[in-house]
Amino acid sequence: MQKVSGVNRRNLTKYYRLLIKEFNWQIPVVDPTQCVVRIANNAGVSEKTKRTAIDILHKVKQQGFIDGKDPTSVAAAAIYIF
């Protein structure tokens, strides 16, 4: 995107946040538990691992540790932990 627009990443993110704020847009947030199933299926892990990873995500989500983090990365980490 930077090459096409000629604007550096810092300014792009600033303008993106400004647009969201000015137009009161609601950006959908992806739930990491949805990513667990997709990643686990691609990796060929067991159902027990999927369930355990989802349980881990529920516990961590209640603590508020995953707010603002990339959902795909968080899901992959939960699978890797188990």
Protein backbone atom coordinates (compact mmCIF):
# COMPACT_ATOMS: atom_id res chain seq x y z
CA MET A 1 0.00 0.00 0.00
CA GLN A 2 2.87 2.36 0.73
CA LYS A 3 4.31 2.00 -2.76
CA VAL A 4 0.97 2.68 -4.42
CA SER A 5 0.03 5.69 -2.32
CA GLY A 6 3.47 7.17 -1.80
CA VAL A 7 2.62 7.65 1.90
CA ASN A 8 4.62 6.02 4.68
CA ARG A 9 3.07 3.43 6.98
CA ARG A 10 2.86 5.75 9.99
CA ASN A 11 0.78 8.31 8.11
CA LEU A 12 -1.39 5.61 6.51
CA THR A 13 -2.35 4.20 9.91
CA LYS A 14 -2.96 7.70 11.27
CA TYR A 15 -5.33 8.53 8.39
CA TYR A 16 -7.04 5.14 8.70
CA ARG A 17 -7.78 5.76 12.39
CA LEU A 18 -8.96 9.28 11.56
CA LEU A 19 -11.42 8.01 8.94
CA ILE A 20 -12.80 5.41 11.33
CA LYS A 21 -13.26 8.01 14.04
CA GLU A 22 -14.78 10.73 11.83
CA PHE A 23 -17.30 8.42 10.14
CA ASN A 24 -18.05 6.35 13.28
CA TRP A 25 -17.33 3.16 11.38
CA GLN A 26 -17.56 -0.09 13.33
CA ILE A 27 -14.78 -2.39 12.20
CA PRO A 28 -15.63 -6.05 12.85
CA VAL A 29 -13.23 -7.79 15.19
CA VAL A 30 -12.23 -11.34 14.32
CA ASP A 31 -12.50 -13.79 17.18
CA PRO A 32 -9.30 -15.85 17.58
CA THR A 33 -11.37 -18.97 18.30
CA GLN A 34 -12.59 -18.88 14.70
CA CYS A 35 -8.98 -18.88 13.54
CA VAL A 36 -8.14 -21.89 15.72
CA VAL A 37 -10.34 -24.21 13.68
CA ARG A 38 -8.91 -23.03 10.35
CA ILE A 39 -5.29 -23.21 11.49
CA ALA A 40 -5.75 -26.55 13.24
CA ASN A 41 -7.42 -28.10 10.21
CA ASN A 42 -4.58 -26.93 7.96
CA ALA A 43 -2.02 -28.28 10.42
CA GLY A 44 -3.86 -31.58 10.86
CA VAL A 45 -4.00 -31.47 14.66
CA SER A 46 -6.42 -33.50 16.75
CA GLU A 47 -9.84 -32.41 18.01
CA LYS A 48 -8.52 -32.54 21.57
CA THR A 49 -5.85 -29.97 20.66
CA LYS A 50 -8.48 -27.72 19.04
CA ARG A 51 -10.71 -27.87 22.11
CA THR A 52 -7.81 -27.21 24.46
CA ALA A 53 -6.61 -24.25 22.36
CA ILE A 54 -10.12 -22.78 22.41
CA ASP A 55 -10.29 -23.25 26.19
CA ILE A 56 -6.94 -21.47 26.53
CA LEU A 57 -8.24 -18.59 24.42
CA HIS A 58 -11.40 -18.26 26.50
CA LYS A 59 -9.36 -18.05 29.71
CA VAL A 60 -6.90 -15.54 28.27
CA LYS A 61 -9.72 -13.48 26.76
CA GLN A 62 -11.38 -13.16 30.18
CA GLN A 63 -8.13 -11.73 31.53
CA GLY A 64 -8.02 -9.17 28.70
CA PHE A 65 -4.56 -10.15 27.48
CA ILE A 66 -5.45 -10.55 23.80
CA ASP A 67 -7.17 -7.22 23.20
CA GLY A 68 -5.61 -5.51 20.20
CA LYS A 69 -3.50 -8.50 19.18
CA ASP A 70 -3.58 -10.21 15.79
CA PRO A 71 -6.23 -12.95 16.12
CA THR A 72 -4.42 -15.35 13.80
CA SER A 73 -1.20 -15.08 15.79
CA VAL A 74 -3.02 -15.53 19.09
CA ALA A 75 -4.83 -18.61 17.75
CA ALA A 76 -1.58 -20.12 16.46
CA ALA A 77 0.08 -19.50 19.81
CA ALA A 78 -2.76 -21.23 21.66
CA ILE A 79 -2.42 -24.28 19.42
CA TYR A 80 1.35 -24.28 19.83
CA ILE A 81 1.12 -24.11 23.64
CA PHE A 82 -0.72 -27.40 23.78
